[in-house]
N, C-alpha and C. Protein backbone atom coordinates (compact mmCIF):
# COMPACT_ATOMS: atom_id res chain seq x y z
N MET A 1 101.94 104.70 103.12
CA MET A 1 102.32 105.84 102.33
C MET A 1 102.20 105.44 100.86
N LYS A 2 101.47 106.23 100.11
CA LYS A 2 101.26 105.90 98.72
C LYS A 2 102.43 106.30 97.84
N GLU A 3 103.00 107.48 98.07
CA GLU A 3 104.10 107.97 97.26
C GLU A 3 105.31 108.27 98.14
N VAL A 4 106.47 108.11 97.55
CA VAL A 4 107.70 108.46 98.26
C VAL A 4 107.88 109.97 98.16
N PRO A 5 108.09 110.67 99.28
CA PRO A 5 108.27 112.12 99.22
C PRO A 5 109.46 112.52 98.33
N ARG A 6 109.30 113.62 97.62
CA ARG A 6 110.35 114.07 96.70
C ARG A 6 111.68 114.31 97.41
N SER A 7 111.61 114.85 98.61
CA SER A 7 112.86 115.15 99.33
C SER A 7 113.63 113.87 99.65
N VAL A 8 112.91 112.78 99.91
CA VAL A 8 113.58 111.52 100.22
C VAL A 8 114.27 110.98 98.97
N THR A 9 113.56 111.01 97.83
CA THR A 9 114.18 110.50 96.60
C THR A 9 115.36 111.37 96.19
N LEU A 10 115.25 112.66 96.39
CA LEU A 10 116.37 113.55 96.07
C LEU A 10 117.57 113.22 96.95
N ASP A 11 117.33 113.02 98.24
CA ASP A 11 118.41 112.65 99.16
C ASP A 11 119.04 111.32 98.76
N MET A 12 118.21 110.37 98.33
CA MET A 12 118.73 109.07 97.90
C MET A 12 119.64 109.23 96.68
N ARG A 13 119.16 109.98 95.68
CA ARG A 13 119.96 110.18 94.47
C ARG A 13 121.28 110.88 94.79
N MET A 14 121.22 111.91 95.62
CA MET A 14 122.44 112.65 95.97
C MET A 14 123.42 111.77 96.76
N ALA A 15 122.90 110.95 97.67
CA ALA A 15 123.76 110.07 98.46
C ALA A 15 124.47 109.07 97.56
N LEU A 16 123.75 108.52 96.58
CA LEU A 16 124.37 107.57 95.66
C LEU A 16 125.40 108.27 94.77
N ARG A 17 125.05 109.46 94.27
CA ARG A 17 125.96 110.20 93.39
C ARG A 17 127.24 110.61 94.12
N ASP A 18 127.09 111.08 95.35
CA ASP A 18 128.24 111.56 96.12
C ASP A 18 129.04 110.45 96.79
N GLY A 19 128.53 109.22 96.73
CA GLY A 19 129.23 108.11 97.34
C GLY A 19 129.04 108.03 98.85
N ARG A 20 128.02 108.69 99.38
CA ARG A 20 127.76 108.64 100.82
C ARG A 20 127.01 107.37 101.21
N ALA A 21 126.40 106.72 100.23
CA ALA A 21 125.67 105.47 100.49
C ALA A 21 126.44 104.32 99.85
N PRO A 22 126.47 103.16 100.50
CA PRO A 22 127.17 102.02 99.91
C PRO A 22 126.55 101.60 98.58
N LYS A 23 127.34 100.97 97.74
CA LYS A 23 126.85 100.52 96.44
C LYS A 23 125.71 99.52 96.58
N SER A 24 125.66 98.78 97.68
CA SER A 24 124.60 97.80 97.88
C SER A 24 123.23 98.46 97.97
N TYR A 25 123.20 99.73 98.36
CA TYR A 25 121.92 100.45 98.46
C TYR A 25 121.34 100.76 97.09
N GLU A 26 122.18 100.79 96.06
CA GLU A 26 121.70 101.10 94.72
C GLU A 26 120.59 100.15 94.30
N ARG A 27 120.81 98.88 94.51
CA ARG A 27 119.81 97.87 94.14
C ARG A 27 118.57 97.97 95.04
N GLU A 28 118.79 98.21 96.31
CA GLU A 28 117.68 98.30 97.27
C GLU A 28 116.82 99.54 97.02
N TRP A 29 117.45 100.64 96.64
CA TRP A 29 116.72 101.89 96.44
C TRP A 29 116.21 102.08 95.02
N ALA A 30 116.62 101.23 94.09
CA ALA A 30 116.29 101.41 92.67
C ALA A 30 114.80 101.67 92.41
N PRO A 31 113.88 100.97 93.06
CA PRO A 31 112.47 101.22 92.76
C PRO A 31 111.98 102.61 93.16
N TYR A 32 112.71 103.32 93.97
CA TYR A 32 112.21 104.60 94.50
C TYR A 32 112.91 105.83 93.91
N ILE A 33 113.95 105.64 93.12
CA ILE A 33 114.79 106.74 92.67
C ILE A 33 114.08 107.68 91.69
N THR A 34 113.41 107.12 90.69
CA THR A 34 112.73 107.97 89.69
C THR A 34 111.27 107.56 89.58
N ALA A 35 110.48 108.43 88.96
CA ALA A 35 109.06 108.14 88.77
C ALA A 35 108.89 106.91 87.88
N GLU A 36 109.71 106.81 86.84
CA GLU A 36 109.61 105.67 85.94
C GLU A 36 109.94 104.36 86.66
N SER A 37 110.97 104.37 87.49
CA SER A 37 111.33 103.15 88.21
C SER A 37 110.24 102.76 89.21
N ARG A 38 109.57 103.75 89.80
CA ARG A 38 108.46 103.45 90.71
C ARG A 38 107.30 102.80 89.96
N ILE A 39 107.00 103.32 88.76
CA ILE A 39 105.91 102.75 87.96
C ILE A 39 106.22 101.30 87.60
N TRP A 40 107.43 101.03 87.10
CA TRP A 40 107.79 99.66 86.71
C TRP A 40 107.83 98.73 87.91
N HIS A 41 108.29 99.23 89.04
CA HIS A 41 108.32 98.42 90.26
C HIS A 41 106.89 98.04 90.66
N ARG A 42 106.00 99.02 90.65
CA ARG A 42 104.60 98.77 91.01
C ARG A 42 103.94 97.79 90.04
N ARG A 43 104.17 97.97 88.75
CA ARG A 43 103.60 97.05 87.75
C ARG A 43 104.14 95.63 87.94
N GLY A 44 105.43 95.54 88.24
CA GLY A 44 106.02 94.23 88.48
C GLY A 44 105.40 93.54 89.68
N MET A 45 105.17 94.30 90.74
CA MET A 45 104.54 93.71 91.93
C MET A 45 103.10 93.31 91.65
N GLN A 46 102.38 94.12 90.87
CA GLN A 46 101.00 93.78 90.53
C GLN A 46 100.96 92.50 89.71
N TYR A 47 101.88 92.35 88.76
CA TYR A 47 101.94 91.15 87.94
C TYR A 47 102.25 89.93 88.80
N GLU A 48 103.25 90.06 89.67
CA GLU A 48 103.60 88.95 90.56
C GLU A 48 102.42 88.57 91.45
N ASP A 49 101.68 89.57 91.91
CA ASP A 49 100.51 89.31 92.75
C ASP A 49 99.45 88.55 91.97
N GLN A 50 99.22 88.95 90.72
CA GLN A 50 98.22 88.28 89.89
C GLN A 50 98.61 86.83 89.61
N MET A 51 99.90 86.58 89.47
CA MET A 51 100.38 85.23 89.19
C MET A 51 100.54 84.41 90.47
N ARG A 52 100.20 85.01 91.60
CA ARG A 52 100.28 84.37 92.92
C ARG A 52 101.71 83.97 93.29
N ARG A 53 102.67 84.80 92.84
CA ARG A 53 104.06 84.55 93.18
C ARG A 53 104.60 85.61 94.13
N PHE A 54 103.73 86.46 94.65
CA PHE A 54 104.15 87.57 95.49
C PHE A 54 103.24 87.62 96.71
N ASP A 55 103.83 87.56 97.89
CA ASP A 55 103.06 87.64 99.13
C ASP A 55 103.30 89.02 99.75
N TYR A 56 102.38 89.93 99.51
CA TYR A 56 102.51 91.30 99.99
C TYR A 56 102.72 91.35 101.49
N TYR A 57 101.96 90.56 102.23
CA TYR A 57 102.02 90.64 103.69
C TYR A 57 103.35 90.12 104.23
N GLN A 58 103.91 89.11 103.59
CA GLN A 58 105.22 88.61 104.02
C GLN A 58 106.30 89.66 103.75
N VAL A 59 106.27 90.26 102.58
CA VAL A 59 107.25 91.29 102.24
C VAL A 59 107.10 92.48 103.17
N ARG A 60 105.87 92.86 103.48
CA ARG A 60 105.61 93.98 104.39
C ARG A 60 106.17 93.68 105.78
N ARG A 61 105.93 92.45 106.27
CA ARG A 61 106.44 92.04 107.58
C ARG A 61 107.97 92.10 107.61
N GLU A 62 108.60 91.59 106.55
CA GLU A 62 110.06 91.60 106.48
C GLU A 62 110.59 93.03 106.48
N TRP A 63 109.92 93.93 105.74
CA TRP A 63 110.36 95.33 105.68
C TRP A 63 110.22 95.99 107.04
N ILE A 64 109.11 95.74 107.73
CA ILE A 64 108.89 96.33 109.05
C ILE A 64 109.93 95.82 110.04
N ASP A 65 110.23 94.52 109.99
CA ASP A 65 111.25 93.96 110.88
C ASP A 65 112.62 94.58 110.61
N LYS A 66 112.96 94.72 109.34
CA LYS A 66 114.25 95.31 108.97
C LYS A 66 114.31 96.77 109.43
N TYR A 67 113.23 97.51 109.23
CA TYR A 67 113.18 98.91 109.64
C TYR A 67 113.31 99.03 111.15
N ALA A 68 112.57 98.19 111.88
CA ALA A 68 112.60 98.25 113.34
C ALA A 68 113.99 97.90 113.87
N SER A 69 114.62 96.88 113.29
CA SER A 69 115.96 96.50 113.78
C SER A 69 116.97 97.61 113.49
N SER A 70 116.84 98.26 112.34
CA SER A 70 117.73 99.37 112.01
C SER A 70 117.51 100.53 112.97
N PHE A 71 116.25 100.84 113.26
CA PHE A 71 115.92 101.92 114.18
C PHE A 71 116.49 101.64 115.57
N HIS A 72 116.31 100.41 116.05
CA HIS A 72 116.79 100.06 117.39
C HIS A 72 118.32 100.03 117.44
N ARG A 73 118.94 99.60 116.35
CA ARG A 73 120.40 99.62 116.31
C ARG A 73 120.91 101.06 116.41
N ASP A 74 120.28 101.97 115.66
CA ASP A 74 120.66 103.38 115.73
C ASP A 74 120.46 103.93 117.14
N GLU A 75 119.37 103.53 117.76
CA GLU A 75 119.07 103.99 119.12
C GLU A 75 120.13 103.49 120.10
N GLN A 76 120.52 102.22 119.95
CA GLN A 76 121.54 101.65 120.83
C GLN A 76 122.89 102.35 120.63
N GLU A 77 123.24 102.62 119.36
CA GLU A 77 124.51 103.30 119.08
C GLU A 77 124.51 104.70 119.67
N ALA A 78 123.38 105.39 119.60
CA ALA A 78 123.28 106.74 120.16
C ALA A 78 123.44 106.69 121.68
N ARG A 79 122.84 105.68 122.32
CA ARG A 79 122.98 105.54 123.77
C ARG A 79 124.44 105.28 124.15
N GLU A 80 125.09 104.41 123.39
CA GLU A 80 126.50 104.11 123.67
C GLU A 80 127.38 105.34 123.48
N ALA A 81 127.07 106.14 122.45
CA ALA A 81 127.85 107.36 122.19
C ALA A 81 127.72 108.36 123.34
N ARG A 82 126.57 108.35 124.01
CA ARG A 82 126.35 109.25 125.15
C ARG A 82 126.87 108.67 126.45
N GLY A 83 127.35 107.42 126.40
CA GLY A 83 127.86 106.79 127.61
C GLY A 83 126.79 106.14 128.46
N LEU A 84 125.60 105.93 127.89
CA LEU A 84 124.51 105.29 128.63
C LEU A 84 124.58 103.78 128.43
N PRO A 85 124.08 103.01 129.39
CA PRO A 85 124.09 101.55 129.22
C PRO A 85 123.09 101.14 128.15
N PRO A 86 123.37 100.05 127.42
CA PRO A 86 122.42 99.60 126.40
C PRO A 86 121.11 99.13 127.02
N LEU A 87 120.04 99.26 126.27
CA LEU A 87 118.74 98.80 126.74
C LEU A 87 118.69 97.28 126.74
N ALA A 88 117.93 96.73 127.67
CA ALA A 88 117.72 95.28 127.69
C ALA A 88 116.83 94.93 126.49
N PRO A 89 116.96 93.70 125.96
CA PRO A 89 116.16 93.31 124.79
C PRO A 89 114.65 93.49 125.00
N THR A 90 114.16 93.32 126.22
CA THR A 90 112.72 93.48 126.45
C THR A 90 112.29 94.94 126.39
N GLU A 91 113.22 95.86 126.58
CA GLU A 91 112.89 97.29 126.54
C GLU A 91 112.90 97.85 125.13
N LEU A 92 113.37 97.07 124.16
CA LEU A 92 113.51 97.58 122.80
C LEU A 92 112.16 97.79 122.13
N TYR A 93 111.22 96.91 122.34
CA TYR A 93 109.96 97.00 121.60
C TYR A 93 108.89 97.52 122.47
């Protein structure tokens, strides 16, 4: 995805403003909140890449792993809320 959808950034800003998201998310979401922050984040990553201090593929792998674990945790919690047994670890992926 090249750009963050406007509705997602709006939801992020509102969640932070209303206190629905933990304060720790502020730092994690900072690059996506405004157009200016996205530009500076992208420029910073490009600079780090040019200086060979940034491994895009490693960061991408870490993000995918974090996203997948969050998704599976939500799935497990939903199953438990419905009274279903948790999935075996081999069934998760």
